[in-house]
Structure formats: C-alpha cells, structure tokens
Amino acid sequence: MFSKSDCHAACLAYVHTRLAAARAGMAAAQESSNSETKSSAGDKYETGRAMAQQERDRHAAQLHEAQNLLAALQKINPELASDAVRTGALAATSLGLFYVSISAGRLRTAGGQEFMAVSGAAPLAVALHGRRAGEEVIFNGKLVRVELVS
C-alpha cells in the first residue's frame, strides 16, 4: 500500500514538469522573437514577431496556471490524517483512488500505483465531501462507496 505522501509527491512532480515546460516554451518563444531579423518585407518581420509574442503569452498563461497548482499543493499537508473526504484527503472508493488536491487527472506514484488527482471543486469531490469510510453517495446515477479515507 502507498501513502498520501506518495500521491502528494506525484502531484508535485507533475506540477514541476509543467512549470519547466512552460518556462522552456517562454524562453524558446523569446529567442525566436529576438532572432527574427528585419527583412525588406517588413510585414513578414512583424508577423513573425507577433506570432512569437503570442506563443510567449500562451506559455506565460501555462506558467501562471502551474504556479497556481503549486500554490494549492503547498497549502496541503499530506501528513495530516483525514477521517472524511475533503481537500488533502486520499479516498479509496468503488470507482478507484482519489487524492483531493489539484486537478491533474490520472497520475502514478513513484511505486507505480495509479490514482486520480482531483480538485476539491471537481464534481466527484463535491459529491463525496464530508463522507466517511463506509458511506455511500449516488454520483452520475452510480452508487459510489467510500471504502477508506486517509
């Protein structure tokens, strides 16, 4: 069995990968913009610079989103036990394992255990909020049983 700390570490790795990719994309777009040389066809030069700026802006938005995910993760202490589904809880349900933390989707721990990282605002997390082990809820017409919460 793996721990909530393993899931938290996998989420941190996911966020750091996104941060690095966004920073690298911004740098590449900036380099592209800087290397764009003035040509006799001025429109081509301006179009190339504008496209590079749009690419940089897109990566900047991705960087901002990844920074928000990191900030959300940093507010969670994976060492704190939880007896009910809430932000920071790891819930084993009849649908699978869910770490209520950030919206990252299906991830794997370093040990290879698969789980879903979902934000507290995700529909399933909202439906399960406050539920304890042994309790059930109907979600999307399916009975979901909470088997374990940590």
Foldseek 3Di string as FASTA:
>chain_A
DDALVLVLVQLVVVLVVLLVVLVVQLVVLVVQLVVQDCDPPNVVSVVSNVVSVVSNVVSVVSNVVSVVLVVQSVVADLVDFDQFQDQNKWWQKPVGIEHATDQDAWTAGPVGDIHTYHHCPPPVNVQRGGPGAQDWGQDPNDIMHTHHMD
